Amino acid sequence: MKTVIVLAMIFSGCSYFDKKPTAQKFSDTDKCPDACKHIQELGCAGWTTETELQECIEFCETTQENGHHLDPNSVLEETDCTEFSPASDASYAFDMSIPTD
């Protein structure tokens, strides 16, 4: 009997199964282009081409839109390239601002 009830719920389109978690939205996502441009302006190795700039922006915006805060404002405060690894992966630029707790 339980099996019949569960199957009935599944096939009836029970809204319980349709609920998907919503990602948290961050107000500073619009700062991603500025943060990536700042890294480029500092002359950090691996962040100098237009392609790398676009990859950085896309990574930052997509990551933030998916609910992971990268804090682009903290990237804007950097004064040198010591926090940034070469851009083989755009995530390196933002690793310093991801909370570890």
N, C-alpha and C. Protein backbone atom coordinates (compact mmCIF):
# COMPACT_ATOMS: atom_id res chain seq x y z
N MET A 1 0.82 -1.19 0.00
CA MET A 1 0.00 0.00 0.00
C MET A 1 0.87 1.26 0.00
N LYS A 2 1.95 1.26 0.82
CA LYS A 2 2.84 2.42 0.86
C LYS A 2 3.46 2.68 -0.50
N THR A 3 3.81 1.61 -1.19
CA THR A 3 4.41 1.75 -2.52
C THR A 3 3.45 2.43 -3.48
N VAL A 4 2.19 2.08 -3.41
CA VAL A 4 1.18 2.67 -4.28
C VAL A 4 1.05 4.17 -4.00
N ILE A 5 1.06 4.55 -2.73
CA ILE A 5 0.93 5.96 -2.37
C ILE A 5 2.14 6.75 -2.86
N VAL A 6 3.34 6.21 -2.66
CA VAL A 6 4.56 6.89 -3.12
C VAL A 6 4.55 7.04 -4.63
N LEU A 7 4.21 5.98 -5.33
CA LEU A 7 4.16 6.05 -6.80
C LEU A 7 3.10 7.04 -7.26
N ALA A 8 1.99 7.09 -6.58
CA ALA A 8 0.93 8.04 -6.93
C ALA A 8 1.42 9.47 -6.77
N MET A 9 2.16 9.72 -5.71
CA MET A 9 2.71 11.06 -5.48
C MET A 9 3.71 11.44 -6.57
N ILE A 10 4.55 10.49 -6.93
CA ILE A 10 5.57 10.76 -7.95
C ILE A 10 4.92 11.07 -9.29
N PHE A 11 3.99 10.22 -9.69
CA PHE A 11 3.40 10.38 -11.01
C PHE A 11 2.34 11.46 -11.08
N SER A 12 1.86 11.92 -9.94
CA SER A 12 0.87 12.99 -9.95
C SER A 12 1.53 14.36 -10.01
N GLY A 13 2.86 14.39 -9.99
CA GLY A 13 3.55 15.67 -10.06
C GLY A 13 3.57 16.38 -8.74
N CYS A 14 3.69 15.66 -7.69
CA CYS A 14 3.73 16.24 -6.34
C CYS A 14 4.77 17.36 -6.29
N SER A 15 4.37 18.51 -5.83
CA SER A 15 5.28 19.66 -5.83
C SER A 15 6.48 19.47 -4.91
N TYR A 16 6.41 18.52 -4.01
CA TYR A 16 7.54 18.25 -3.12
C TYR A 16 8.79 17.92 -3.93
N PHE A 17 8.65 17.22 -5.01
CA PHE A 17 9.79 16.81 -5.82
C PHE A 17 10.24 17.89 -6.79
N ASP A 18 9.45 18.92 -6.97
CA ASP A 18 9.78 19.99 -7.91
C ASP A 18 10.58 21.11 -7.27
N LYS A 19 10.67 21.13 -5.97
CA LYS A 19 11.35 22.24 -5.29
C LYS A 19 12.85 22.11 -5.45
N LYS A 20 13.46 23.18 -5.89
CA LYS A 20 14.91 23.24 -6.04
C LYS A 20 15.43 24.35 -5.15
N PRO A 21 16.60 24.16 -4.57
CA PRO A 21 17.14 25.23 -3.73
C PRO A 21 17.45 26.47 -4.58
N THR A 22 17.25 27.62 -4.00
CA THR A 22 17.57 28.85 -4.70
C THR A 22 18.90 29.39 -4.20
N ALA A 23 19.73 29.82 -5.11
CA ALA A 23 21.04 30.34 -4.76
C ALA A 23 20.90 31.72 -4.14
N GLN A 24 21.74 31.98 -3.17
CA GLN A 24 21.76 33.30 -2.55
C GLN A 24 22.30 34.30 -3.56
N LYS A 25 21.71 35.48 -3.59
CA LYS A 25 22.17 36.54 -4.48
C LYS A 25 23.01 37.53 -3.69
N PHE A 26 24.11 37.96 -4.29
CA PHE A 26 25.01 38.91 -3.63
C PHE A 26 24.96 40.24 -4.36
N SER A 27 24.94 41.32 -3.59
CA SER A 27 24.79 42.65 -4.16
C SER A 27 26.05 43.15 -4.85
N ASP A 28 27.18 42.48 -4.64
CA ASP A 28 28.44 42.97 -5.23
C ASP A 28 28.85 42.23 -6.51
N THR A 29 27.96 41.43 -7.08
CA THR A 29 28.29 40.71 -8.31
C THR A 29 28.63 41.69 -9.44
N ASP A 30 28.02 42.85 -9.42
CA ASP A 30 28.32 43.85 -10.45
C ASP A 30 29.75 44.38 -10.36
N LYS A 31 30.46 44.06 -9.28
CA LYS A 31 31.86 44.48 -9.12
C LYS A 31 32.84 43.50 -9.76
N CYS A 32 32.36 42.35 -10.23
CA CYS A 32 33.25 41.36 -10.83
C CYS A 32 34.08 41.92 -11.99
N PRO A 33 33.48 42.63 -12.95
CA PRO A 33 34.30 43.19 -14.02
C PRO A 33 35.38 44.14 -13.50
N ASP A 34 35.04 44.95 -12.51
CA ASP A 34 36.02 45.88 -11.94
C ASP A 34 37.15 45.13 -11.24
N ALA A 35 36.80 44.08 -10.51
CA ALA A 35 37.82 43.30 -9.80
C ALA A 35 38.78 42.64 -10.80
N CYS A 36 38.23 42.06 -11.85
CA CYS A 36 39.08 41.40 -12.85
C CYS A 36 39.93 42.42 -13.62
N LYS A 37 39.36 43.55 -13.92
CA LYS A 37 40.12 44.62 -14.60
C LYS A 37 41.24 45.12 -13.69
N HIS A 38 40.98 45.20 -12.41
CA HIS A 38 42.00 45.64 -11.44
C HIS A 38 43.19 44.67 -11.45
N ILE A 39 42.90 43.37 -11.47
CA ILE A 39 43.97 42.37 -11.52
C ILE A 39 44.80 42.57 -12.79
N GLN A 40 44.11 42.82 -13.89
CA GLN A 40 44.79 43.04 -15.17
C GLN A 40 45.64 44.32 -15.11
N GLU A 41 45.10 45.37 -14.54
CA GLU A 41 45.82 46.64 -14.44
C GLU A 41 47.06 46.54 -13.55
N LEU A 42 47.01 45.66 -12.56
CA LEU A 42 48.19 45.45 -11.72
C LEU A 42 49.31 44.77 -12.50
N GLY A 43 48.98 44.18 -13.65
CA GLY A 43 49.97 43.51 -14.48
C GLY A 43 50.32 42.12 -13.99
N CYS A 44 49.41 41.49 -13.29
CA CYS A 44 49.67 40.16 -12.74
C CYS A 44 49.86 39.14 -13.87
N ALA A 45 50.87 38.31 -13.72
CA ALA A 45 51.19 37.30 -14.73
C ALA A 45 49.99 36.40 -14.96
N GLY A 46 49.68 36.17 -16.22
CA GLY A 46 48.57 35.30 -16.57
C GLY A 46 47.22 35.98 -16.61
N TRP A 47 47.20 37.29 -16.40
CA TRP A 47 45.93 38.02 -16.38
C TRP A 47 45.95 39.20 -17.36
N THR A 48 46.72 39.10 -18.42
CA THR A 48 46.93 40.27 -19.24
C THR A 48 46.10 40.33 -20.52
N THR A 49 45.62 39.21 -21.02
CA THR A 49 44.89 39.24 -22.30
C THR A 49 43.40 39.50 -22.09
N GLU A 50 42.75 39.90 -23.15
CA GLU A 50 41.31 40.14 -23.11
C GLU A 50 40.55 38.84 -22.83
N THR A 51 41.04 37.73 -23.36
CA THR A 51 40.41 36.43 -23.13
C THR A 51 40.46 36.07 -21.65
N GLU A 52 41.62 36.27 -21.02
CA GLU A 52 41.76 35.98 -19.59
C GLU A 52 40.85 36.89 -18.76
N LEU A 53 40.74 38.13 -19.18
CA LEU A 53 39.85 39.08 -18.49
C LEU A 53 38.41 38.59 -18.56
N GLN A 54 37.97 38.18 -19.73
CA GLN A 54 36.59 37.70 -19.90
C GLN A 54 36.34 36.41 -19.11
N GLU A 55 37.33 35.52 -19.08
CA GLU A 55 37.20 34.28 -18.30
C GLU A 55 37.07 34.60 -16.80
N CYS A 56 37.83 35.56 -16.34
CA CYS A 56 37.79 35.98 -14.95
C CYS A 56 36.40 36.53 -14.60
N ILE A 57 35.89 37.40 -15.44
CA ILE A 57 34.58 38.01 -15.21
C ILE A 57 33.50 36.94 -15.20
N GLU A 58 33.55 36.05 -16.18
CA GLU A 58 32.54 34.98 -16.26
C GLU A 58 32.60 34.08 -15.03
N PHE A 59 33.81 33.72 -14.62
CA PHE A 59 33.96 32.88 -13.42
C PHE A 59 33.37 33.58 -12.20
N CYS A 60 33.73 34.82 -12.00
CA CYS A 60 33.28 35.57 -10.82
C CYS A 60 31.76 35.69 -10.80
N GLU A 61 31.17 36.14 -11.91
CA GLU A 61 29.73 36.34 -11.96
C GLU A 61 28.97 35.02 -11.79
N THR A 62 29.42 33.98 -12.48
CA THR A 62 28.74 32.68 -12.41
C THR A 62 28.83 32.10 -11.01
N THR A 63 30.00 32.19 -10.41
CA THR A 63 30.19 31.66 -9.06
C THR A 63 29.30 32.39 -8.07
N GLN A 64 29.25 33.70 -8.15
CA GLN A 64 28.41 34.49 -7.25
C GLN A 64 26.93 34.17 -7.48
N GLU A 65 26.53 34.06 -8.76
CA GLU A 65 25.13 33.77 -9.07
C GLU A 65 24.72 32.38 -8.59
N ASN A 66 25.69 31.49 -8.43
CA ASN A 66 25.41 30.15 -7.93
C ASN A 66 25.50 30.05 -6.41
N GLY A 67 25.62 31.20 -5.75
CA GLY A 67 25.53 31.22 -4.29
C GLY A 67 26.83 31.14 -3.53
N HIS A 68 27.96 31.34 -4.20
CA HIS A 68 29.27 31.30 -3.53
C HIS A 68 29.88 32.69 -3.57
N HIS A 69 30.00 33.31 -2.42
CA HIS A 69 30.48 34.69 -2.36
C HIS A 69 31.99 34.77 -2.51
N LEU A 70 32.43 35.52 -3.50
CA LEU A 70 33.86 35.69 -3.75
C LEU A 70 34.39 37.04 -3.26
N ASP A 71 33.52 37.95 -2.90
CA ASP A 71 33.90 39.26 -2.38
C ASP A 71 34.82 40.03 -3.32
N PRO A 72 34.31 40.41 -4.50
CA PRO A 72 35.14 41.16 -5.44
C PRO A 72 35.67 42.48 -4.89
N ASN A 73 34.99 43.03 -3.88
CA ASN A 73 35.48 44.28 -3.28
C ASN A 73 36.84 44.10 -2.63
N SER A 74 37.10 42.92 -2.05
CA SER A 74 38.41 42.70 -1.43
C SER A 74 39.50 42.60 -2.49
N VAL A 75 39.16 42.10 -3.66
CA VAL A 75 40.13 42.04 -4.76
C VAL A 75 40.50 43.45 -5.20
N LEU A 76 39.53 44.34 -5.20
CA LEU A 76 39.78 45.74 -5.59
C LEU A 76 40.73 46.44 -4.63
N GLU A 77 40.87 45.96 -3.42
CA GLU A 77 41.74 46.58 -2.43
C GLU A 77 43.20 46.13 -2.55
N GLU A 78 43.47 45.09 -3.32
CA GLU A 78 44.84 44.59 -3.45
C GLU A 78 45.71 45.61 -4.19
N THR A 79 46.97 45.71 -3.76
CA THR A 79 47.90 46.68 -4.36
C THR A 79 49.03 46.04 -5.15
N ASP A 80 49.12 44.70 -5.08
CA ASP A 80 50.14 44.00 -5.87
C ASP A 80 49.62 42.60 -6.21
N CYS A 81 50.45 41.82 -6.88
CA CYS A 81 50.03 40.52 -7.39
C CYS A 81 50.35 39.35 -6.47
N THR A 82 50.77 39.61 -5.25
CA THR A 82 51.19 38.50 -4.39
C THR A 82 50.06 37.53 -4.07
N GLU A 83 48.83 37.97 -4.11
CA GLU A 83 47.69 37.10 -3.81
C GLU A 83 47.18 36.34 -5.03
N PHE A 84 47.70 36.65 -6.20
CA PHE A 84 47.16 36.07 -7.42
C PHE A 84 48.15 35.12 -8.08
N SER A 85 47.68 33.92 -8.38
CA SER A 85 48.47 32.96 -9.13
C SER A 85 48.17 33.15 -10.61
N PRO A 86 49.00 32.61 -11.48
CA PRO A 86 48.71 32.72 -12.92
C PRO A 86 47.30 32.21 -13.23
N ALA A 87 46.71 32.79 -14.22
CA ALA A 87 45.29 32.56 -14.52
C ALA A 87 45.00 31.29 -15.30
N SER A 88 45.63 30.21 -14.94
CA SER A 88 45.25 28.95 -15.57
C SER A 88 43.83 28.60 -15.13
N ASP A 89 43.42 29.16 -14.01
CA ASP A 89 42.08 28.97 -13.49
C ASP A 89 41.69 30.27 -12.80
N ALA A 90 40.61 30.88 -13.24
CA ALA A 90 40.22 32.19 -12.71
C ALA A 90 39.95 32.17 -11.21
N SER A 91 39.71 31.00 -10.65
CA SER A 91 39.40 30.93 -9.23
C SER A 91 40.55 31.38 -8.35
N TYR A 92 41.79 31.29 -8.84
CA TYR A 92 42.94 31.69 -8.03
C TYR A 92 42.86 33.15 -7.59
N ALA A 93 42.29 33.99 -8.41
CA ALA A 93 42.23 35.40 -8.07
C ALA A 93 41.37 35.66 -6.86
N PHE A 94 40.40 34.81 -6.65
CA PHE A 94 39.43 35.06 -5.60
C PHE A 94 39.60 34.15 -4.40
N ASP A 95 40.56 33.21 -4.44
CA ASP A 95 40.75 32.29 -3.33
C ASP A 95 40.96 33.00 -2.01
N MET A 96 41.60 34.15 -2.02
CA MET A 96 41.90 34.85 -0.78
C MET A 96 40.65 35.36 -0.11
N SER A 97 39.56 35.49 -0.85
CA SER A 97 38.36 36.09 -0.26
C SER A 97 37.27 35.07 0.05
N ILE A 98 37.51 33.80 -0.17
CA ILE A 98 36.53 32.78 0.15
C ILE A 98 36.67 32.43 1.62
N PRO A 99 35.61 32.59 2.39
CA PRO A 99 35.70 32.26 3.82
C PRO A 99 36.05 30.80 4.04
N THR A 100 36.87 30.54 5.04
CA THR A 100 37.30 29.17 5.30
C THR A 100 36.60 28.57 6.50
N ASP A 101 35.73 29.30 7.16
CA ASP A 101 35.05 28.75 8.34
C ASP A 101 33.84 27.94 8.00
